[in-house]
Amino acid sequence: MTSDFTLYCFSCNCKAPRDSLTAICQQCGTLLQLQNRYCAIKLLGQGKFSRTFLAVDQANSTQCVIQQYWSDRPDAVLVTKLRTVGQHPQLPTLLDDFEQNGIYYLVQEYVEGENLATEIATQGRFTTTAVWEILESVLPILLWIHTHGLIHRDLKPENILRRSLSEWMLVDWSAAILSTDRSLRAIASNLSMGTRQK
């Protein structure tokens, strides 16, 4: 078990999701590790059908992002496409996917950086030049995604992260669908991820 963080319980029904540094949740008895390697250390977002955690992969002592689906899990075709589009340098790599105790999980690369919403709140209105720089960085990512038959569906400042001075990344695949699935195209952001926690 990791010794540097308070852990989160992966049980969807646990009344005390944060736990002490033990192997099993003291409230509900759920194992605090997935696949004998992943431990959740922070809740990043929660919606009606999924939750997203910052986690530690103890196999290599690196941080990652885990998306937990207890309903409407991604199908195999969508997961395959997520692996493909994740090869783009401005998108998080899909590292793992698995089912455990009837719950489905996607594990992605953790992208460190400040999101666009935070920058807007800190700096205020961007100059026209700065807006164009962001668009020139982000629009090719969307073209790449759409070329591979995916729709992100949750494009917002919180999901656009600055990784370097001129490079932005698009994160959070919890609401993504295949472009052929026209019945699910519209979505409200609060239904996909809920309120972000910093």
Protein backbone atom coordinates (compact mmCIF):
# COMPACT_ATOMS: atom_id res chain seq x y z
CA MET A 1 0.00 0.00 0.00
CA THR A 2 1.11 3.56 -0.62
CA SER A 3 2.13 5.48 2.50
CA ASP A 4 2.01 9.06 1.28
CA PHE A 5 -1.72 9.62 0.72
CA THR A 6 -5.17 9.14 2.16
CA LEU A 7 -6.89 6.58 -0.05
CA TYR A 8 -10.36 6.54 -1.57
CA CYS A 9 -12.66 3.56 -1.51
CA PHE A 10 -13.79 2.36 -4.96
CA SER A 11 -17.15 1.11 -3.70
CA CYS A 12 -19.98 3.16 -5.20
CA ASN A 13 -22.09 2.68 -2.07
CA CYS A 14 -19.50 3.43 0.59
CA LYS A 15 -20.69 6.08 3.05
CA ALA A 16 -17.13 7.03 4.02
CA PRO A 17 -15.17 7.07 0.75
CA ARG A 18 -11.90 8.34 2.27
CA ASP A 19 -10.00 5.80 4.27
CA SER A 20 -6.87 5.45 6.34
CA LEU A 21 -3.79 3.74 4.98
CA THR A 22 -5.07 0.17 5.14
CA ALA A 23 -5.53 -2.56 2.56
CA ILE A 24 -9.30 -2.74 3.11
CA CYS A 25 -11.87 0.04 3.61
CA GLN A 26 -12.70 0.19 7.32
CA GLN A 27 -16.29 1.25 6.54
CA CYS A 28 -17.42 -1.26 3.90
CA GLY A 29 -14.66 -3.88 3.62
CA THR A 30 -13.81 -3.17 -0.03
CA LEU A 31 -10.22 -3.62 -1.18
CA LEU A 32 -8.56 -0.23 -1.66
CA GLN A 33 -6.53 -1.48 -4.62
CA LEU A 34 -7.60 -2.35 -8.15
CA GLN A 35 -5.78 -5.13 -9.99
CA ASN A 36 -3.33 -5.29 -7.06
CA ARG A 37 -1.72 -2.06 -8.23
CA TYR A 38 -4.00 1.02 -8.49
CA CYS A 39 -4.91 3.16 -5.43
CA ALA A 40 -7.13 6.26 -5.64
CA ILE A 41 -5.76 9.33 -3.85
CA LYS A 42 -8.13 12.11 -4.98
CA LEU A 43 -11.63 12.39 -6.39
CA LEU A 44 -11.44 14.58 -9.52
CA GLY A 45 -15.07 14.46 -10.60
CA GLN A 46 -18.34 12.58 -10.25
CA GLY A 47 -21.43 12.30 -12.37
CA LYS A 48 -24.54 10.19 -12.68
CA PHE A 49 -22.82 7.17 -14.23
CA SER A 50 -19.11 7.54 -13.47
CA ARG A 51 -16.38 8.90 -11.22
CA THR A 52 -12.83 10.01 -12.00
CA PHE A 53 -9.92 9.60 -9.59
CA LEU A 54 -6.33 10.67 -9.45
CA ALA A 55 -4.52 7.43 -8.62
CA VAL A 56 -1.12 5.88 -8.05
CA ASP A 57 0.04 2.88 -10.05
CA GLN A 58 2.14 1.05 -7.50
CA ALA A 59 3.66 -1.18 -10.17
CA ASN A 60 5.80 1.74 -11.36
CA SER A 61 5.15 4.44 -8.70
CA THR A 62 3.54 6.83 -11.18
CA GLN A 63 0.31 8.80 -11.03
CA CYS A 64 -2.54 8.06 -13.40
CA VAL A 65 -6.23 8.87 -13.87
CA ILE A 66 -8.89 6.22 -13.33
CA GLN A 67 -12.40 6.55 -14.69
CA GLN A 68 -14.88 4.27 -12.96
CA TYR A 69 -18.13 3.37 -14.75
CA TRP A 70 -20.94 1.76 -12.79
CA SER A 71 -23.40 2.24 -15.66
CA ASP A 72 -23.18 2.77 -19.43
CA ARG A 73 -19.68 1.32 -19.67
CA PRO A 74 -17.77 2.00 -22.92
CA ASP A 75 -18.07 -0.77 -25.48
CA ALA A 76 -15.06 -2.58 -26.96
CA VAL A 77 -15.05 -0.54 -30.18
CA LEU A 78 -14.98 2.74 -28.24
CA VAL A 79 -12.13 1.52 -26.02
CA THR A 80 -10.13 0.44 -29.08
CA LYS A 81 -10.59 3.88 -30.61
CA LEU A 82 -9.58 5.57 -27.34
CA ARG A 83 -6.34 3.57 -27.46
CA THR A 84 -5.73 4.77 -31.01
CA VAL A 85 -6.47 8.46 -30.48
CA GLY A 86 -4.42 8.41 -27.27
CA GLN A 87 -1.33 8.10 -29.46
CA HIS A 88 -1.68 11.82 -30.22
CA PRO A 89 0.88 13.78 -28.16
CA GLN A 90 -1.80 16.19 -26.89
CA LEU A 91 -4.14 13.50 -25.59
CA PRO A 92 -3.70 11.25 -22.55
CA THR A 93 -2.61 7.70 -23.35
CA LEU A 94 -5.04 4.93 -22.44
CA LEU A 95 -2.90 2.67 -20.23
CA ASP A 96 -5.31 -0.03 -19.10
CA ASP A 97 -8.95 -1.11 -19.03
CA PHE A 98 -10.56 -3.87 -16.99
CA GLU A 99 -13.62 -4.96 -15.06
CA GLN A 100 -13.48 -5.72 -11.34
CA ASN A 101 -16.43 -6.71 -9.14
CA GLY A 102 -18.87 -5.83 -11.93
CA ILE A 103 -17.50 -2.28 -12.33
CA TYR A 104 -15.61 -1.13 -15.43
CA TYR A 105 -12.45 1.01 -15.29
CA LEU A 106 -10.33 2.99 -17.74
CA VAL A 107 -6.81 3.96 -16.67
CA GLN A 108 -5.21 6.91 -18.45
CA GLU A 109 -2.00 8.86 -18.36
CA TYR A 110 -2.01 11.64 -15.78
CA VAL A 111 -1.44 15.02 -17.44
CA GLU A 112 0.04 17.61 -15.12
CA GLY A 113 -0.79 21.23 -15.77
CA GLU A 114 -3.18 24.08 -15.07
CA ASN A 115 -6.52 23.99 -16.82
CA LEU A 116 -7.90 26.81 -18.92
CA ALA A 117 -10.68 27.60 -16.44
CA THR A 118 -8.11 28.26 -13.71
CA GLU A 119 -6.06 30.47 -16.01
CA ILE A 120 -9.12 32.48 -16.98
CA ALA A 121 -10.05 32.93 -13.31
CA THR A 122 -6.48 34.03 -12.50
CA GLN A 123 -5.68 36.20 -15.51
CA GLY A 124 -9.06 37.46 -16.59
CA ARG A 125 -9.88 38.07 -20.22
CA PHE A 126 -7.38 36.68 -22.74
CA THR A 127 -6.04 38.77 -25.59
CA THR A 128 -7.12 37.95 -29.14
CA THR A 129 -3.64 36.63 -29.82
CA ALA A 130 -3.80 34.30 -26.81
CA VAL A 131 -7.22 32.98 -27.89
CA TRP A 132 -5.89 32.21 -31.37
CA GLU A 133 -2.90 30.41 -29.89
CA ILE A 134 -5.22 28.19 -27.85
CA LEU A 135 -7.43 27.47 -30.87
CA GLU A 136 -4.41 26.66 -33.04
CA SER A 137 -3.30 24.16 -30.41
CA VAL A 138 -6.69 22.56 -29.64
CA LEU A 139 -8.46 22.42 -33.03
CA PRO A 140 -6.01 19.90 -34.56
CA ILE A 141 -6.71 17.63 -31.58
CA LEU A 142 -10.44 17.75 -32.32
CA LEU A 143 -9.75 17.02 -36.00
CA TRP A 144 -7.69 13.98 -34.97
CA ILE A 145 -10.47 12.74 -32.69
CA HIS A 146 -13.20 13.22 -35.28
CA THR A 147 -11.09 11.61 -38.00
CA HIS A 148 -10.99 8.49 -35.83
CA GLY A 149 -14.77 8.44 -35.40
CA LEU A 150 -15.06 9.82 -31.86
CA ILE A 151 -16.88 12.77 -30.29
CA HIS A 152 -15.49 14.10 -26.99
CA ARG A 153 -18.82 15.62 -25.85
CA ASP A 154 -17.43 17.53 -22.86
CA LEU A 155 -15.28 20.24 -24.37
CA LYS A 156 -14.94 22.97 -21.72
CA PRO A 157 -12.14 25.03 -20.11
CA GLU A 158 -11.77 22.55 -17.22
CA ASN A 159 -10.83 19.82 -19.70
CA ILE A 160 -8.17 21.82 -21.55
CA LEU A 161 -4.82 21.76 -19.74
CA ARG A 162 -1.67 23.74 -20.45
CA ARG A 163 1.28 21.35 -20.49
CA SER A 164 3.81 23.88 -21.73
CA LEU A 165 3.88 27.54 -22.74
CA SER A 166 2.33 26.88 -26.15
CA GLU A 167 0.94 23.35 -25.90
CA TRP A 168 -2.53 22.47 -24.61
CA MET A 169 -3.93 19.01 -23.88
CA LEU A 170 -7.51 17.77 -24.04
CA VAL A 171 -8.46 15.42 -21.19
CA ASP A 172 -11.48 13.56 -19.72
CA TRP A 173 -12.98 10.85 -21.91
CA SER A 174 -15.88 9.99 -19.58
CA ALA A 175 -18.52 11.30 -22.01
CA ALA A 176 -16.91 10.23 -25.31
CA ILE A 177 -18.98 8.32 -27.85
CA LEU A 178 -18.57 6.94 -31.35
CA SER A 179 -19.57 9.47 -33.98
CA THR A 180 -22.01 6.90 -35.40
CA ASP A 181 -24.00 6.86 -32.14
CA ARG A 182 -26.23 9.79 -33.04
CA SER A 183 -28.78 9.06 -30.29
CA LEU A 184 -26.30 10.16 -27.59
CA ARG A 185 -24.73 13.26 -29.13
CA ALA A 186 -26.18 15.87 -26.80
CA ILE A 187 -25.00 15.95 -23.22
CA ALA A 188 -24.85 18.43 -20.38
CA SER A 189 -21.45 18.65 -18.74
CA ASN A 190 -22.88 18.34 -15.23
CA LEU A 191 -24.35 14.97 -16.16
CA SER A 192 -21.06 13.57 -17.41
CA MET A 193 -18.67 14.59 -14.65
CA GLY A 194 -20.39 16.80 -12.12
CA THR A 195 -18.50 19.48 -10.24
CA ARG A 196 -14.74 19.40 -10.47
CA GLN A 197 -12.83 19.23 -7.25
CA LYS A 198 -9.42 20.85 -6.93
